[in-house]
Amino acid sequence: QVQLVESGGGLVQAGGSLRLSCAASGSIFSINNMGWYRQAPGKQRELVAVITSGGSTNYADSVKGRFTISRDNAKNTMYLQMNSLKPEDTAVYYCYALILNGRTDWGQGTQVTVSS
């Protein structure tokens, strides 16, 4: 099993930046893809960004050009750099790890609030 702990959320004004971190521990060798989802109040969970074990990335159209996902394998940590934040980016952000056996492990979530 993989344990994931997010950090870096907070309150920021529109146009500002935040960097989320997701530190992994446990059976790290079994991690395949990692990524970030977000869920705003009253809305379905939305996939924000994905990074594969090989470093390929993919983004939701709503964040392309503003968010950057990265992965530091030496530190067992994944990041989400969020720039030009908008009020509609307000949500709880969850990191996840797709394990080689098909299971998905989740972090506890971190709140991001963007004020207008």
N, C-alpha and C. Protein backbone atom coordinates (compact mmCIF):
# COMPACT_ATOMS: atom_id res chain seq x y z
N GLN A 1 0.85 -1.20 0.00
CA GLN A 1 0.00 0.00 0.00
C GLN A 1 0.88 1.24 0.00
N VAL A 2 0.36 2.30 -0.62
CA VAL A 2 1.08 3.58 -0.70
C VAL A 2 0.32 4.62 0.12
N GLN A 3 1.05 5.34 0.95
CA GLN A 3 0.45 6.43 1.71
C GLN A 3 0.82 7.75 1.02
N LEU A 4 -0.16 8.62 0.87
CA LEU A 4 0.03 9.90 0.19
C LEU A 4 -0.40 11.03 1.10
N VAL A 5 0.44 12.05 1.21
CA VAL A 5 0.13 13.20 2.05
C VAL A 5 0.30 14.47 1.23
N GLU A 6 -0.79 15.21 1.07
CA GLU A 6 -0.76 16.46 0.31
C GLU A 6 -0.43 17.63 1.24
N SER A 7 0.13 18.66 0.65
CA SER A 7 0.35 19.91 1.36
C SER A 7 0.43 21.03 0.34
N GLY A 8 0.36 22.26 0.83
CA GLY A 8 0.53 23.41 -0.05
C GLY A 8 -0.73 24.16 -0.41
N GLY A 9 -1.88 23.66 0.01
CA GLY A 9 -3.11 24.38 -0.28
C GLY A 9 -3.22 25.65 0.53
N GLY A 10 -4.22 26.46 0.23
CA GLY A 10 -4.42 27.68 0.98
C GLY A 10 -5.33 28.65 0.25
N LEU A 11 -5.30 29.89 0.71
CA LEU A 11 -6.10 30.96 0.15
C LEU A 11 -5.20 31.88 -0.66
N VAL A 12 -5.61 32.18 -1.88
CA VAL A 12 -4.81 33.04 -2.76
C VAL A 12 -5.76 33.91 -3.58
N GLN A 13 -5.30 35.08 -3.97
CA GLN A 13 -6.10 35.94 -4.83
C GLN A 13 -6.03 35.48 -6.26
N ALA A 14 -7.06 35.80 -7.02
CA ALA A 14 -7.06 35.47 -8.44
C ALA A 14 -5.81 36.04 -9.11
N GLY A 15 -5.22 35.21 -9.98
CA GLY A 15 -3.98 35.59 -10.63
C GLY A 15 -2.74 35.13 -9.91
N GLY A 16 -2.92 34.66 -8.69
CA GLY A 16 -1.79 34.20 -7.89
C GLY A 16 -1.39 32.77 -8.20
N SER A 17 -0.44 32.28 -7.41
CA SER A 17 0.11 30.94 -7.63
C SER A 17 0.16 30.15 -6.32
N LEU A 18 0.09 28.85 -6.47
CA LEU A 18 0.30 27.93 -5.36
C LEU A 18 1.00 26.70 -5.91
N ARG A 19 1.76 26.02 -5.04
CA ARG A 19 2.35 24.74 -5.43
C ARG A 19 1.91 23.68 -4.43
N LEU A 20 1.24 22.68 -4.94
CA LEU A 20 0.83 21.55 -4.12
C LEU A 20 1.90 20.47 -4.18
N SER A 21 2.07 19.79 -3.05
CA SER A 21 2.99 18.66 -2.98
C SER A 21 2.24 17.43 -2.54
N CYS A 22 2.70 16.28 -3.00
CA CYS A 22 2.12 15.00 -2.61
C CYS A 22 3.28 14.06 -2.32
N ALA A 23 3.51 13.81 -1.04
CA ALA A 23 4.62 12.96 -0.62
C ALA A 23 4.14 11.52 -0.48
N ALA A 24 4.86 10.61 -1.11
CA ALA A 24 4.48 9.20 -1.10
C ALA A 24 5.41 8.40 -0.20
N SER A 25 4.84 7.41 0.46
CA SER A 25 5.62 6.49 1.29
C SER A 25 4.98 5.11 1.20
N GLY A 26 5.69 4.11 1.69
CA GLY A 26 5.17 2.75 1.63
C GLY A 26 5.74 2.02 0.42
N SER A 27 4.89 1.32 -0.30
CA SER A 27 5.30 0.50 -1.44
C SER A 27 5.49 1.36 -2.68
N ILE A 28 6.44 2.26 -2.62
CA ILE A 28 6.65 3.25 -3.69
C ILE A 28 7.03 2.59 -5.00
N PHE A 29 7.73 1.46 -4.92
CA PHE A 29 8.19 0.78 -6.12
C PHE A 29 7.02 0.31 -6.98
N SER A 30 5.83 0.21 -6.38
CA SER A 30 4.67 -0.31 -7.09
C SER A 30 3.84 0.77 -7.77
N ILE A 31 4.29 2.03 -7.67
CA ILE A 31 3.51 3.13 -8.26
C ILE A 31 3.71 3.18 -9.76
N ASN A 32 2.61 3.33 -10.48
CA ASN A 32 2.66 3.52 -11.92
C ASN A 32 2.41 5.00 -12.21
N ASN A 33 1.21 5.33 -12.58
CA ASN A 33 0.88 6.75 -12.82
C ASN A 33 0.50 7.45 -11.53
N MET A 34 0.67 8.74 -11.51
CA MET A 34 0.20 9.58 -10.41
C MET A 34 -0.52 10.78 -11.00
N GLY A 35 -1.30 11.44 -10.16
CA GLY A 35 -1.99 12.61 -10.67
C GLY A 35 -2.78 13.33 -9.60
N TRP A 36 -3.53 14.30 -10.07
CA TRP A 36 -4.34 15.14 -9.20
C TRP A 36 -5.78 15.20 -9.71
N TYR A 37 -6.70 15.07 -8.79
CA TYR A 37 -8.10 15.35 -9.03
C TYR A 37 -8.48 16.55 -8.17
N ARG A 38 -9.60 17.14 -8.50
CA ARG A 38 -10.16 18.17 -7.63
C ARG A 38 -11.67 18.03 -7.59
N GLN A 39 -12.25 18.51 -6.49
CA GLN A 39 -13.69 18.47 -6.34
C GLN A 39 -14.16 19.76 -5.70
N ALA A 40 -14.97 20.49 -6.45
CA ALA A 40 -15.57 21.71 -5.93
C ALA A 40 -16.93 21.38 -5.32
N PRO A 41 -17.41 22.21 -4.41
CA PRO A 41 -18.70 21.95 -3.75
C PRO A 41 -19.81 21.79 -4.78
N GLY A 42 -20.56 20.70 -4.66
CA GLY A 42 -21.69 20.47 -5.54
C GLY A 42 -21.33 19.97 -6.93
N LYS A 43 -20.05 19.70 -7.14
CA LYS A 43 -19.61 19.24 -8.47
C LYS A 43 -18.96 17.88 -8.38
N GLN A 44 -18.87 17.21 -9.54
CA GLN A 44 -18.20 15.91 -9.57
C GLN A 44 -16.69 16.09 -9.51
N ARG A 45 -16.02 15.04 -9.04
CA ARG A 45 -14.56 15.08 -9.01
C ARG A 45 -14.04 15.16 -10.44
N GLU A 46 -13.06 16.02 -10.65
CA GLU A 46 -12.51 16.30 -11.98
C GLU A 46 -11.03 15.95 -12.02
N LEU A 47 -10.63 15.22 -13.06
CA LEU A 47 -9.21 14.93 -13.24
C LEU A 47 -8.51 16.19 -13.72
N VAL A 48 -7.46 16.59 -13.03
CA VAL A 48 -6.74 17.83 -13.33
C VAL A 48 -5.49 17.54 -14.15
N ALA A 49 -4.67 16.62 -13.69
CA ALA A 49 -3.40 16.36 -14.37
C ALA A 49 -2.91 14.96 -14.01
N VAL A 50 -2.17 14.38 -14.95
CA VAL A 50 -1.62 13.04 -14.78
C VAL A 50 -0.16 13.05 -15.20
N ILE A 51 0.66 12.27 -14.50
CA ILE A 51 2.04 12.07 -14.91
C ILE A 51 2.34 10.58 -14.81
N THR A 52 2.91 10.04 -15.88
CA THR A 52 3.21 8.61 -15.90
C THR A 52 4.57 8.34 -15.25
N SER A 53 4.87 7.08 -15.06
CA SER A 53 6.16 6.71 -14.48
C SER A 53 7.30 7.14 -15.39
N GLY A 54 7.01 7.28 -16.68
CA GLY A 54 8.03 7.72 -17.63
C GLY A 54 8.12 9.23 -17.77
N GLY A 55 7.24 9.94 -17.11
CA GLY A 55 7.30 11.39 -17.12
C GLY A 55 6.37 12.07 -18.11
N SER A 56 5.57 11.31 -18.84
CA SER A 56 4.60 11.93 -19.75
C SER A 56 3.49 12.57 -18.93
N THR A 57 2.97 13.67 -19.45
CA THR A 57 1.95 14.41 -18.70
C THR A 57 0.71 14.65 -19.56
N ASN A 58 -0.39 14.87 -18.88
CA ASN A 58 -1.64 15.20 -19.54
C ASN A 58 -2.45 16.09 -18.61
N TYR A 59 -3.20 17.03 -19.19
CA TYR A 59 -3.91 18.02 -18.40
C TYR A 59 -5.35 18.16 -18.85
N ALA A 60 -6.20 18.55 -17.91
CA ALA A 60 -7.55 18.96 -18.28
C ALA A 60 -7.46 20.25 -19.09
N ASP A 61 -8.37 20.41 -20.04
CA ASP A 61 -8.36 21.62 -20.86
C ASP A 61 -8.45 22.88 -20.01
N SER A 62 -9.16 22.79 -18.91
CA SER A 62 -9.39 23.97 -18.08
C SER A 62 -8.12 24.48 -17.39
N VAL A 63 -7.07 23.66 -17.34
CA VAL A 63 -5.85 24.09 -16.64
C VAL A 63 -4.63 24.12 -17.54
N LYS A 64 -4.78 23.72 -18.79
CA LYS A 64 -3.64 23.71 -19.70
C LYS A 64 -3.03 25.10 -19.83
N GLY A 65 -1.72 25.15 -19.77
CA GLY A 65 -1.02 26.42 -19.88
C GLY A 65 -0.90 27.16 -18.56
N ARG A 66 -1.61 26.71 -17.53
CA ARG A 66 -1.55 27.36 -16.23
C ARG A 66 -0.97 26.45 -15.14
N PHE A 67 -1.24 25.17 -15.23
CA PHE A 67 -0.79 24.21 -14.24
C PHE A 67 0.32 23.33 -14.82
N THR A 68 1.25 22.94 -13.96
CA THR A 68 2.32 22.03 -14.37
C THR A 68 2.48 20.94 -13.33
N ILE A 69 2.40 19.70 -13.78
CA ILE A 69 2.59 18.56 -12.89
C ILE A 69 4.02 18.05 -13.07
N SER A 70 4.63 17.65 -11.96
CA SER A 70 5.99 17.12 -12.03
C SER A 70 6.17 16.08 -10.93
N ARG A 71 7.28 15.36 -11.04
CA ARG A 71 7.49 14.23 -10.14
C ARG A 71 8.98 14.14 -9.84
N ASP A 72 9.34 14.15 -8.57
CA ASP A 72 10.72 14.00 -8.14
C ASP A 72 10.86 12.61 -7.52
N ASN A 73 11.33 11.66 -8.30
CA ASN A 73 11.39 10.29 -7.83
C ASN A 73 12.39 10.13 -6.68
N ALA A 74 13.43 10.96 -6.64
CA ALA A 74 14.41 10.88 -5.56
C ALA A 74 13.79 11.26 -4.21
N LYS A 75 12.81 12.16 -4.26
CA LYS A 75 12.14 12.61 -3.04
C LYS A 75 10.79 11.94 -2.84
N ASN A 76 10.43 11.06 -3.78
CA ASN A 76 9.12 10.38 -3.70
C ASN A 76 7.99 11.39 -3.57
N THR A 77 8.08 12.46 -4.32
CA THR A 77 7.11 13.54 -4.20
C THR A 77 6.66 13.99 -5.59
N MET A 78 5.38 14.28 -5.67
CA MET A 78 4.78 14.83 -6.89
C MET A 78 4.33 16.25 -6.58
N TYR A 79 4.36 17.10 -7.60
CA TYR A 79 4.00 18.49 -7.41
C TYR A 79 2.95 18.92 -8.43
N LEU A 80 2.20 19.95 -8.06
CA LEU A 80 1.32 20.61 -9.01
C LEU A 80 1.53 22.11 -8.83
N GLN A 81 2.22 22.70 -9.80
CA GLN A 81 2.43 24.14 -9.80
C GLN A 81 1.23 24.78 -10.47
N MET A 82 0.56 25.66 -9.77
CA MET A 82 -0.66 26.28 -10.27
C MET A 82 -0.44 27.79 -10.37
N ASN A 83 -0.47 28.29 -11.59
CA ASN A 83 -0.29 29.72 -11.84
C ASN A 83 -1.56 30.31 -12.42
N SER A 84 -1.64 31.62 -12.40
CA SER A 84 -2.80 32.34 -12.95
C SER A 84 -4.10 31.75 -12.44
N LEU A 85 -4.16 31.56 -11.15
CA LEU A 85 -5.32 30.90 -10.56
C LEU A 85 -6.58 31.74 -10.72
N LYS A 86 -7.69 31.02 -10.89
CA LYS A 86 -9.00 31.64 -11.08
C LYS A 86 -9.94 31.19 -9.96
N PRO A 87 -10.97 31.96 -9.68
CA PRO A 87 -11.93 31.52 -8.65
C PRO A 87 -12.52 30.14 -8.93
N GLU A 88 -12.67 29.80 -10.19
CA GLU A 88 -13.22 28.48 -10.53
C GLU A 88 -12.25 27.34 -10.26
N ASP A 89 -11.02 27.65 -9.89
CA ASP A 89 -10.07 26.61 -9.48
C ASP A 89 -10.27 26.22 -8.02
N THR A 90 -11.13 26.93 -7.31
CA THR A 90 -11.40 26.63 -5.92
C THR A 90 -11.98 25.23 -5.79
N ALA A 91 -11.34 24.41 -4.97
CA ALA A 91 -11.75 23.01 -4.80
C ALA A 91 -10.85 22.35 -3.76
N VAL A 92 -11.23 21.15 -3.38
CA VAL A 92 -10.32 20.29 -2.63
C VAL A 92 -9.54 19.47 -3.67
N TYR A 93 -8.23 19.51 -3.55
CA TYR A 93 -7.36 18.81 -4.49
C TYR A 93 -6.83 17.53 -3.85
N TYR A 94 -6.98 16.44 -4.58
CA TYR A 94 -6.56 15.13 -4.09
C TYR A 94 -5.47 14.57 -5.01
N CYS A 95 -4.41 14.07 -4.44
CA CYS A 95 -3.46 13.34 -5.26
C CYS A 95 -3.78 11.85 -5.19
N TYR A 96 -3.39 11.14 -6.24
CA TYR A 96 -3.63 9.70 -6.27
C TYR A 96 -2.42 9.01 -6.89
N ALA A 97 -2.31 7.72 -6.58
CA ALA A 97 -1.27 6.89 -7.17
C ALA A 97 -1.93 5.63 -7.69
N LEU A 98 -1.71 5.36 -8.97
CA LEU A 98 -2.21 4.13 -9.57
C LEU A 98 -1.14 3.06 -9.40
N ILE A 99 -1.52 2.02 -8.68
CA ILE A 99 -0.57 0.96 -8.35
C ILE A 99 -0.55 -0.08 -9.46
N LEU A 100 0.56 -0.78 -9.59
CA LEU A 100 0.73 -1.73 -10.68
C LEU A 100 -0.32 -2.84 -10.65
N ASN A 101 -0.86 -3.16 -9.46
CA ASN A 101 -1.88 -4.22 -9.38
C ASN A 101 -3.28 -3.70 -9.71
N GLY A 102 -3.38 -2.43 -10.08
CA GLY A 102 -4.65 -1.85 -10.47
C GLY A 102 -5.35 -1.04 -9.39
N ARG A 103 -4.87 -1.13 -8.16
CA ARG A 103 -5.49 -0.36 -7.09
C ARG A 103 -5.08 1.10 -7.19
N THR A 104 -5.95 1.98 -6.68
CA THR A 104 -5.64 3.40 -6.61
C THR A 104 -5.62 3.83 -5.15
N ASP A 105 -4.54 4.45 -4.73
CA ASP A 105 -4.44 5.00 -3.39
C ASP A 105 -4.59 6.52 -3.46
N TRP A 106 -5.19 7.10 -2.41
CA TRP A 106 -5.54 8.52 -2.41
C TRP A 106 -4.93 9.24 -1.20
N GLY A 107 -4.66 10.52 -1.41
CA GLY A 107 -4.33 11.37 -0.29
C GLY A 107 -5.60 11.88 0.37
N GLN A 108 -5.41 12.67 1.44
CA GLN A 108 -6.55 13.12 2.23
C GLN A 108 -7.19 14.39 1.65
N GLY A 109 -6.51 15.04 0.74
CA GLY A 109 -7.03 16.25 0.12
C GLY A 109 -6.49 17.50 0.77
N THR A 110 -6.37 18.54 -0.03
CA THR A 110 -5.95 19.85 0.47
C THR A 110 -6.82 20.92 -0.19
N GLN A 111 -7.27 21.87 0.62
CA GLN A 111 -8.19 22.89 0.13
C GLN A 111 -7.43 24.02 -0.58
N VAL A 112 -7.91 24.37 -1.76
CA VAL A 112 -7.41 25.53 -2.49
C VAL A 112 -8.58 26.48 -2.68
N THR A 113 -8.41 27.71 -2.22
CA THR A 113 -9.46 28.72 -2.35
C THR A 113 -8.87 29.93 -3.06
N VAL A 114 -9.52 30.33 -4.16
CA VAL A 114 -9.06 31.47 -4.95
C VAL A 114 -10.12 32.56 -4.85
N SER A 115 -9.75 33.68 -4.30
CA SER A 115 -10.68 34.79 -4.13
C SER A 115 -10.62 35.72 -5.34
N SER A 116 -11.76 36.32 -5.65
CA SER A 116 -11.82 37.21 -6.82
C SER A 116 -11.50 38.65 -6.44
